Every structure is written in C-alpha cells, then in structure tokens.
Amino acid sequence: MQKGFPDAEVFEIGKVKLNSPIIFAGFVGAGLVGPLSINHIIEQLEMKEIGVMRSKYLPPSTVFIRGRLR
C-alpha cells in the first residue's frame, strides 16, 4: 500500500450524458488479461473510455495497448 494517497480517485477523460451507466473494470494481473479484455469490449462495442480509477490498494503499473497508454 502507498501512504499519502487517498483510498481511490476517479479521473474523467471525457464527459457524456449517461442514462444507465455500467462500469467495466479490468485490473492488471498475470498476462494483462484484465486490461486486454476491457480494451476488446470497448473496441467491439464501439465504446469510448471516459474515466479511470487509481487506488492505493491496486499495484502501480503501466499498460500499453497498440502503442497507446491505457
């Protein structure tokens, strides 16, 4: 755990009006299955990423998918 950070923070990438929002979360683990799965869902359903969450309870990591930081 990292000291000095809030329990969790949410960062908005874009603003959209939502009717019945659903959150998809892909957590980094062995083989990056979580982020890769979420990226596939986003692309197949032609969705847009509108936010990210950072938490002191999740390990820091950097994920690049198709040359783009995710």
C-alpha atoms as a PDB file:
ATOM      1  CA  MET A   1       0.000   0.000   0.000  1.00  0.00           C
ATOM      2  CA  GLN A   2       1.114   3.539  -0.738  1.00  0.00           C
ATOM      3  CA  LYS A   3       0.883   6.084   2.038  1.00  0.00           C
ATOM      4  CA  GLY A   4      -0.252   9.620   1.309  1.00  0.00           C
ATOM      5  CA  PHE A   5      -2.726   8.671  -1.408  1.00  0.00           C
ATOM      6  CA  PRO A   6      -6.497   8.711  -0.974  1.00  0.00           C
ATOM      7  CA  ASP A   7      -8.270   5.335  -0.909  1.00  0.00           C
ATOM      8  CA  ALA A   8      -9.380   5.845  -4.513  1.00  0.00           C
ATOM      9  CA  GLU A   9      -9.535   8.617  -7.118  1.00  0.00           C
ATOM     10  CA  VAL A  10     -11.576   8.768 -10.316  1.00  0.00           C
ATOM     11  CA  PHE A  11     -10.318  10.827 -13.252  1.00  0.00           C
ATOM     12  CA  GLU A  12     -12.694  11.864 -16.025  1.00  0.00           C
ATOM     13  CA  ILE A  13     -11.261  11.635 -19.532  1.00  0.00           C
ATOM     14  CA  GLY A  14     -14.457  12.846 -21.207  1.00  0.00           C
ATOM     15  CA  LYS A  15     -17.927  13.968 -20.230  1.00  0.00           C
ATOM     16  CA  VAL A  16     -21.036  12.330 -21.623  1.00  0.00           C
ATOM     17  CA  LYS A  17     -24.654  12.163 -20.520  1.00  0.00           C
ATOM     18  CA  LEU A  18     -25.328   8.663 -19.183  1.00  0.00           C
ATOM     19  CA  ASN A  19     -28.753   7.029 -18.895  1.00  0.00           C
ATOM     20  CA  SER A  20     -27.973   3.650 -17.311  1.00  0.00           C
ATOM     21  CA  PRO A  21     -24.209   3.586 -16.751  1.00  0.00           C
ATOM     22  CA  ILE A  22     -22.258   0.374 -16.275  1.00  0.00           C
ATOM     23  CA  ILE A  23     -18.627   0.277 -15.137  1.00  0.00           C
ATOM     24  CA  PHE A  24     -16.222  -2.172 -16.760  1.00  0.00           C
ATOM     25  CA  ALA A  25     -13.062  -2.711 -14.712  1.00  0.00           C
ATOM     26  CA  GLY A  26     -10.010  -4.562 -15.982  1.00  0.00           C
ATOM     27  CA  PHE A  27      -7.406  -4.993 -13.277  1.00  0.00           C
ATOM     28  CA  VAL A  28      -3.775  -5.685 -14.105  1.00  0.00           C
ATOM     29  CA  GLY A  29      -2.653  -9.200 -13.311  1.00  0.00           C
ATOM     30  CA  ALA A  30      -0.720 -12.052 -14.857  1.00  0.00           C
ATOM     31  CA  GLY A  31      -0.703 -11.701 -18.629  1.00  0.00           C
ATOM     32  CA  LEU A  32      -2.593  -8.362 -18.576  1.00  0.00           C
ATOM     33  CA  VAL A  33      -5.847 -10.266 -19.143  1.00  0.00           C
ATOM     34  CA  GLY A  34      -7.999  -7.590 -17.440  1.00  0.00           C
ATOM     35  CA  PRO A  35      -6.872  -4.561 -19.497  1.00  0.00           C
ATOM     36  CA  LEU A  36      -6.763  -6.583 -22.731  1.00  0.00           C
ATOM     37  CA  SER A  37     -10.308  -7.885 -22.168  1.00  0.00           C
ATOM     38  CA  ILE A  38     -11.683  -4.427 -21.394  1.00  0.00           C
ATOM     39  CA  ASN A  39      -9.934  -2.963 -24.446  1.00  0.00           C
ATOM     40  CA  HIS A  40     -11.510  -5.686 -26.617  1.00  0.00           C
ATOM     41  CA  ILE A  41     -15.001  -4.947 -25.219  1.00  0.00           C
ATOM     42  CA  ILE A  42     -14.516  -1.191 -25.760  1.00  0.00           C
ATOM     43  CA  GLU A  43     -13.455  -1.723 -29.381  1.00  0.00           C
ATOM     44  CA  GLN A  44     -16.089  -4.343 -30.278  1.00  0.00           C
ATOM     45  CA  LEU A  45     -18.972  -2.326 -28.833  1.00  0.00           C
ATOM     46  CA  GLU A  46     -17.544   0.934 -30.247  1.00  0.00           C
ATOM     47  CA  MET A  47     -17.469   2.480 -26.787  1.00  0.00           C
ATOM     48  CA  LYS A  48     -15.297   5.318 -25.514  1.00  0.00           C
ATOM     49  CA  GLU A  49     -13.208   5.287 -22.369  1.00  0.00           C
ATOM     50  CA  ILE A  50     -14.492   8.171 -20.234  1.00  0.00           C
ATOM     51  CA  GLY A  51     -12.635   7.681 -16.970  1.00  0.00           C
ATOM     52  CA  VAL A  52     -10.005   5.849 -14.996  1.00  0.00           C
ATOM     53  CA  MET A  53      -9.604   4.983 -11.334  1.00  0.00           C
ATOM     54  CA  ARG A  54      -6.474   4.994  -9.208  1.00  0.00           C
ATOM     55  CA  SER A  55      -6.325   3.427  -5.767  1.00  0.00           C
ATOM     56  CA  LYS A  56      -3.608   2.911  -3.190  1.00  0.00           C
ATOM     57  CA  TYR A  57      -4.890  -0.665  -2.887  1.00  0.00           C
ATOM     58  CA  LEU A  58      -4.016  -1.516  -6.507  1.00  0.00           C
ATOM     59  CA  PRO A  59      -0.389  -2.041  -7.560  1.00  0.00           C
ATOM     60  CA  PRO A  60       1.058   0.676  -9.813  1.00  0.00           C
ATOM     61  CA  SER A  61       1.503  -0.445 -13.411  1.00  0.00           C
ATOM     62  CA  THR A  62       1.713   0.862 -16.946  1.00  0.00           C
ATOM     63  CA  VAL A  63      -0.188  -0.814 -19.761  1.00  0.00           C
ATOM     64  CA  PHE A  64       0.280  -0.022 -23.444  1.00  0.00           C
ATOM     65  CA  ILE A  65      -2.220  -1.447 -25.927  1.00  0.00           C
ATOM     66  CA  ARG A  66      -1.457  -0.896 -29.615  1.00  0.00           C
ATOM     67  CA  GLY A  67       1.142   1.705 -28.702  1.00  0.00           C
ATOM     68  CA  ARG A  68      -1.301   3.745 -26.617  1.00  0.00           C
ATOM     69  CA  LEU A  69      -1.018   4.195 -22.873  1.00  0.00           C
ATOM     70  CA  ARG A  70      -4.132   2.748 -21.196  1.00  0.00           C
END
